[in-house]
Amino acid sequence: MRILFVCSENRLRSPTAAAVFAEYDGVDTISAGTNSDCDTPVSGDLIEWADIVLVMEASHKRKVSKKFQPLLKNKKVSVLNIPDDFEFMDPELVQILRNRIPLYVNL
């Protein structure tokens, strides 16, 4: 399974999620951001690569859906509702991710 995690700047939340779930057997992960100044921007190639797209906030889903609608036709895009209140690999963020991701993905 290939999971694309998306946040705003691709510096804290989505890289944390990608790092945590890359350790799972049979799971490949990539993270990206929606802002123009992000480290790795969401692209059509990343959308096509992913089996599922998990975004941190509803605004990320709106941006991804608006820009990549044709590529998302057969993709599941889910909002995790995780605010931008955490540092990279923050233990609380890791726990939230481990609790929430299985609600959207069969691991």
N, C-alpha and C. Protein backbone atom coordinates (compact mmCIF):
# COMPACT_ATOMS: atom_id res chain seq x y z
N MET A 1 0.83 -1.17 0.00
CA MET A 1 0.00 0.00 0.00
C MET A 1 0.89 1.24 0.00
N ARG A 2 0.51 2.21 -0.82
CA ARG A 2 1.26 3.46 -0.93
C ARG A 2 0.41 4.61 -0.39
N ILE A 3 0.93 5.27 0.64
CA ILE A 3 0.20 6.36 1.30
C ILE A 3 0.95 7.68 1.10
N LEU A 4 0.22 8.68 0.61
CA LEU A 4 0.74 10.04 0.51
C LEU A 4 0.14 10.84 1.65
N PHE A 5 1.00 11.39 2.50
CA PHE A 5 0.58 12.25 3.61
C PHE A 5 0.82 13.70 3.20
N VAL A 6 -0.18 14.55 3.47
CA VAL A 6 -0.10 15.95 3.04
C VAL A 6 -0.40 16.89 4.20
N CYS A 7 0.47 17.89 4.36
CA CYS A 7 0.21 19.00 5.28
C CYS A 7 0.55 20.29 4.53
N SER A 8 0.78 21.37 5.23
CA SER A 8 1.01 22.65 4.57
C SER A 8 2.44 22.79 4.04
N GLU A 9 3.42 22.65 4.91
CA GLU A 9 4.81 22.93 4.53
C GLU A 9 5.68 21.69 4.37
N ASN A 10 5.12 20.52 4.67
CA ASN A 10 5.88 19.26 4.58
C ASN A 10 7.15 19.32 5.42
N ARG A 11 7.00 19.84 6.63
CA ARG A 11 8.17 19.91 7.52
C ARG A 11 7.93 19.20 8.86
N LEU A 12 6.67 19.10 9.29
CA LEU A 12 6.41 18.57 10.63
C LEU A 12 5.43 17.39 10.62
N ARG A 13 4.17 17.66 10.34
CA ARG A 13 3.14 16.63 10.46
C ARG A 13 3.25 15.52 9.42
N SER A 14 3.25 15.88 8.15
CA SER A 14 3.27 14.81 7.13
C SER A 14 4.59 14.04 7.11
N PRO A 15 5.75 14.68 7.31
CA PRO A 15 6.98 13.88 7.40
C PRO A 15 6.98 12.94 8.61
N THR A 16 6.38 13.39 9.71
CA THR A 16 6.27 12.51 10.88
C THR A 16 5.41 11.29 10.53
N ALA A 17 4.28 11.52 9.92
CA ALA A 17 3.39 10.41 9.53
C ALA A 17 4.09 9.46 8.58
N ALA A 18 4.79 10.01 7.60
CA ALA A 18 5.50 9.17 6.63
C ALA A 18 6.57 8.33 7.32
N ALA A 19 7.29 8.92 8.26
CA ALA A 19 8.35 8.19 8.97
C ALA A 19 7.77 7.08 9.83
N VAL A 20 6.69 7.37 10.54
CA VAL A 20 6.08 6.38 11.43
C VAL A 20 5.53 5.20 10.64
N PHE A 21 4.81 5.47 9.57
CA PHE A 21 4.14 4.38 8.85
C PHE A 21 5.02 3.70 7.81
N ALA A 22 6.17 4.27 7.51
CA ALA A 22 7.14 3.59 6.63
C ALA A 22 7.69 2.35 7.30
N GLU A 23 7.60 2.29 8.64
CA GLU A 23 8.09 1.13 9.39
C GLU A 23 7.15 -0.06 9.32
N TYR A 24 5.93 0.13 8.81
CA TYR A 24 4.96 -0.96 8.72
C TYR A 24 5.26 -1.82 7.49
N ASP A 25 5.15 -3.14 7.65
CA ASP A 25 5.34 -4.05 6.52
C ASP A 25 4.30 -3.79 5.44
N GLY A 26 4.76 -3.75 4.20
CA GLY A 26 3.85 -3.59 3.08
C GLY A 26 3.34 -2.18 2.87
N VAL A 27 3.91 -1.22 3.57
CA VAL A 27 3.47 0.18 3.44
C VAL A 27 4.64 1.02 2.94
N ASP A 28 4.39 1.76 1.86
CA ASP A 28 5.34 2.75 1.35
C ASP A 28 4.72 4.11 1.57
N THR A 29 5.52 5.07 2.00
CA THR A 29 4.99 6.39 2.31
C THR A 29 5.81 7.49 1.66
N ILE A 30 5.14 8.59 1.39
CA ILE A 30 5.77 9.82 0.93
C ILE A 30 4.97 10.96 1.57
N SER A 31 5.65 12.06 1.86
CA SER A 31 4.95 13.23 2.37
C SER A 31 5.16 14.40 1.43
N ALA A 32 4.18 15.32 1.45
CA ALA A 32 4.24 16.49 0.59
C ALA A 32 3.44 17.61 1.25
N GLY A 33 3.58 18.81 0.70
CA GLY A 33 2.88 19.97 1.24
C GLY A 33 2.11 20.72 0.19
N THR A 34 1.17 21.55 0.64
CA THR A 34 0.33 22.32 -0.27
C THR A 34 0.83 23.75 -0.48
N ASN A 35 1.66 24.26 0.43
CA ASN A 35 2.13 25.64 0.30
C ASN A 35 3.20 25.76 -0.77
N SER A 36 3.31 26.95 -1.34
CA SER A 36 4.30 27.18 -2.40
C SER A 36 5.73 27.10 -1.88
N ASP A 37 5.93 27.33 -0.58
CA ASP A 37 7.28 27.29 -0.01
C ASP A 37 7.60 25.97 0.70
N CYS A 38 6.79 24.93 0.46
CA CYS A 38 7.00 23.67 1.16
C CYS A 38 8.24 22.95 0.63
N ASP A 39 8.75 22.02 1.45
CA ASP A 39 9.95 21.28 1.06
C ASP A 39 9.71 20.38 -0.15
N THR A 40 8.61 19.66 -0.17
CA THR A 40 8.23 18.81 -1.30
C THR A 40 6.77 19.11 -1.63
N PRO A 41 6.50 19.77 -2.75
CA PRO A 41 5.12 20.10 -3.09
C PRO A 41 4.34 18.89 -3.60
N VAL A 42 3.04 18.89 -3.32
CA VAL A 42 2.17 17.87 -3.88
C VAL A 42 2.23 18.00 -5.40
N SER A 43 2.34 16.88 -6.08
CA SER A 43 2.41 16.89 -7.55
C SER A 43 1.50 15.81 -8.11
N GLY A 44 1.25 15.91 -9.39
CA GLY A 44 0.46 14.89 -10.07
C GLY A 44 1.11 13.53 -9.98
N ASP A 45 2.43 13.49 -10.08
CA ASP A 45 3.14 12.21 -9.97
C ASP A 45 2.92 11.56 -8.61
N LEU A 46 2.96 12.35 -7.56
CA LEU A 46 2.73 11.80 -6.22
C LEU A 46 1.30 11.31 -6.05
N ILE A 47 0.34 12.07 -6.58
CA ILE A 47 -1.06 11.65 -6.52
C ILE A 47 -1.24 10.33 -7.26
N GLU A 48 -0.66 10.24 -8.45
CA GLU A 48 -0.78 9.00 -9.23
C GLU A 48 -0.11 7.83 -8.52
N TRP A 49 1.00 8.07 -7.85
CA TRP A 49 1.74 7.03 -7.14
C TRP A 49 0.92 6.44 -5.99
N ALA A 50 0.18 7.29 -5.29
CA ALA A 50 -0.48 6.90 -4.04
C ALA A 50 -1.73 6.05 -4.27
N ASP A 51 -1.92 5.10 -3.35
CA ASP A 51 -3.19 4.36 -3.30
C ASP A 51 -4.21 5.14 -2.49
N ILE A 52 -3.72 5.86 -1.49
CA ILE A 52 -4.59 6.66 -0.63
C ILE A 52 -3.85 7.95 -0.27
N VAL A 53 -4.62 9.03 -0.16
CA VAL A 53 -4.06 10.34 0.22
C VAL A 53 -4.67 10.73 1.56
N LEU A 54 -3.81 10.96 2.54
CA LEU A 54 -4.26 11.38 3.87
C LEU A 54 -3.75 12.78 4.14
N VAL A 55 -4.68 13.70 4.35
CA VAL A 55 -4.32 15.10 4.58
C VAL A 55 -4.59 15.46 6.03
N MET A 56 -3.85 16.43 6.54
CA MET A 56 -3.96 16.79 7.94
C MET A 56 -5.17 17.65 8.25
N GLU A 57 -5.58 18.53 7.31
CA GLU A 57 -6.68 19.46 7.56
C GLU A 57 -7.60 19.52 6.34
N ALA A 58 -8.82 19.95 6.56
CA ALA A 58 -9.80 20.08 5.47
C ALA A 58 -9.30 21.03 4.38
N SER A 59 -8.56 22.07 4.76
CA SER A 59 -8.04 23.02 3.76
C SER A 59 -7.07 22.32 2.81
N HIS A 60 -6.34 21.35 3.30
CA HIS A 60 -5.42 20.60 2.44
C HIS A 60 -6.22 19.77 1.43
N LYS A 61 -7.31 19.19 1.87
CA LYS A 61 -8.15 18.40 0.95
C LYS A 61 -8.71 19.30 -0.14
N ARG A 62 -9.18 20.48 0.24
CA ARG A 62 -9.72 21.41 -0.76
C ARG A 62 -8.66 21.78 -1.79
N LYS A 63 -7.46 22.10 -1.34
CA LYS A 63 -6.39 22.49 -2.26
C LYS A 63 -6.00 21.34 -3.18
N VAL A 64 -5.84 20.16 -2.62
CA VAL A 64 -5.45 18.99 -3.42
C VAL A 64 -6.56 18.64 -4.41
N SER A 65 -7.79 18.65 -3.94
CA SER A 65 -8.92 18.30 -4.81
C SER A 65 -9.08 19.30 -5.95
N LYS A 66 -8.91 20.58 -5.65
CA LYS A 66 -9.05 21.61 -6.69
C LYS A 66 -7.97 21.46 -7.77
N LYS A 67 -6.75 21.22 -7.34
CA LYS A 67 -5.63 21.18 -8.28
C LYS A 67 -5.52 19.86 -9.04
N PHE A 68 -5.92 18.75 -8.40
CA PHE A 68 -5.67 17.43 -8.99
C PHE A 68 -6.93 16.60 -9.18
N GLN A 69 -8.09 17.24 -9.31
CA GLN A 69 -9.36 16.53 -9.39
C GLN A 69 -9.35 15.36 -10.38
N PRO A 70 -8.88 15.53 -11.61
CA PRO A 70 -8.92 14.39 -12.54
C PRO A 70 -8.09 13.18 -12.06
N LEU A 71 -7.00 13.44 -11.37
CA LEU A 71 -6.15 12.35 -10.90
C LEU A 71 -6.70 11.66 -9.65
N LEU A 72 -7.65 12.30 -8.99
CA LEU A 72 -8.22 11.76 -7.76
C LEU A 72 -9.49 10.96 -7.98
N LYS A 73 -9.87 10.77 -9.24
CA LYS A 73 -11.14 10.13 -9.56
C LYS A 73 -11.35 8.82 -8.82
N ASN A 74 -10.36 7.97 -8.75
CA ASN A 74 -10.48 6.66 -8.10
C ASN A 74 -9.63 6.55 -6.84
N LYS A 75 -9.33 7.69 -6.22
CA LYS A 75 -8.50 7.72 -5.02
C LYS A 75 -9.34 8.11 -3.81
N LYS A 76 -8.97 7.56 -2.68
CA LYS A 76 -9.58 7.96 -1.41
C LYS A 76 -8.73 9.08 -0.81
N VAL A 77 -9.36 10.20 -0.50
CA VAL A 77 -8.69 11.32 0.17
C VAL A 77 -9.42 11.54 1.49
N SER A 78 -8.69 11.38 2.59
CA SER A 78 -9.30 11.51 3.91
C SER A 78 -8.60 12.58 4.73
N VAL A 79 -9.38 13.27 5.55
CA VAL A 79 -8.88 14.33 6.42
C VAL A 79 -8.67 13.75 7.82
N LEU A 80 -7.44 13.88 8.34
CA LEU A 80 -7.11 13.36 9.66
C LEU A 80 -7.47 14.32 10.79
N ASN A 81 -7.72 15.58 10.47
CA ASN A 81 -8.05 16.60 11.47
C ASN A 81 -6.98 16.72 12.55
N ILE A 82 -5.76 16.92 12.10
CA ILE A 82 -4.63 17.12 13.02
C ILE A 82 -4.11 18.54 12.83
N PRO A 83 -4.27 19.39 13.84
CA PRO A 83 -3.84 20.79 13.71
C PRO A 83 -2.32 20.92 13.68
N ASP A 84 -1.87 22.08 13.24
CA ASP A 84 -0.44 22.37 13.13
C ASP A 84 0.11 22.83 14.48
N ASP A 85 0.07 21.92 15.45
CA ASP A 85 0.48 22.24 16.82
C ASP A 85 1.65 21.38 17.30
N PHE A 86 2.33 20.70 16.39
CA PHE A 86 3.32 19.71 16.79
C PHE A 86 4.65 19.91 16.09
N GLU A 87 5.70 19.46 16.74
CA GLU A 87 7.03 19.43 16.13
C GLU A 87 7.22 18.08 15.44
N PHE A 88 8.25 17.97 14.63
CA PHE A 88 8.57 16.72 13.95
C PHE A 88 8.81 15.62 14.98
N MET A 89 8.16 14.49 14.81
CA MET A 89 8.26 13.30 15.67
C MET A 89 7.86 13.56 17.12
N ASP A 90 7.05 14.57 17.35
CA ASP A 90 6.51 14.83 18.68
C ASP A 90 5.78 13.55 19.14
N PRO A 91 6.09 13.04 20.33
CA PRO A 91 5.45 11.80 20.80
C PRO A 91 3.92 11.86 20.80
N GLU A 92 3.36 13.01 21.13
CA GLU A 92 1.90 13.14 21.11
C GLU A 92 1.36 13.02 19.69
N LEU A 93 2.04 13.63 18.73
CA LEU A 93 1.64 13.53 17.33
C LEU A 93 1.75 12.08 16.85
N VAL A 94 2.82 11.42 17.20
CA VAL A 94 3.00 10.01 16.80
C VAL A 94 1.85 9.17 17.34
N GLN A 95 1.47 9.38 18.58
CA GLN A 95 0.36 8.61 19.16
C GLN A 95 -0.96 8.91 18.47
N ILE A 96 -1.22 10.18 18.19
CA ILE A 96 -2.44 10.56 17.47
C ILE A 96 -2.47 9.86 16.11
N LEU A 97 -1.36 9.89 15.40
CA LEU A 97 -1.29 9.25 14.09
C LEU A 97 -1.54 7.74 14.20
N ARG A 98 -0.91 7.09 15.16
CA ARG A 98 -1.09 5.64 15.32
C ARG A 98 -2.53 5.28 15.68
N ASN A 99 -3.23 6.19 16.34
CA ASN A 99 -4.63 5.95 16.67
C ASN A 99 -5.56 6.25 15.50
N ARG A 100 -5.24 7.27 14.72
CA ARG A 100 -6.15 7.72 13.66
C ARG A 100 -5.99 7.01 12.33
N ILE A 101 -4.78 6.76 11.93
CA ILE A 101 -4.54 6.19 10.59
C ILE A 101 -5.31 4.89 10.38
N PRO A 102 -5.34 3.98 11.36
CA PRO A 102 -6.10 2.73 11.14
C PRO A 102 -7.60 2.93 10.91
N LEU A 103 -8.13 4.10 11.23
CA LEU A 103 -9.53 4.40 10.92
C LEU A 103 -9.74 4.57 9.42
N TYR A 104 -8.67 4.89 8.69
CA TYR A 104 -8.76 5.17 7.26
C TYR A 104 -8.05 4.15 6.38
N VAL A 105 -7.14 3.39 6.98
CA VAL A 105 -6.29 2.48 6.21
C VAL A 105 -6.24 1.13 6.93
N ASN A 106 -6.43 0.06 6.18
CA ASN A 106 -6.28 -1.28 6.76
C ASN A 106 -4.80 -1.63 6.78
N LEU A 107 -4.23 -1.63 7.96
CA LEU A 107 -2.80 -1.94 8.09
C LEU A 107 -2.59 -3.35 8.62
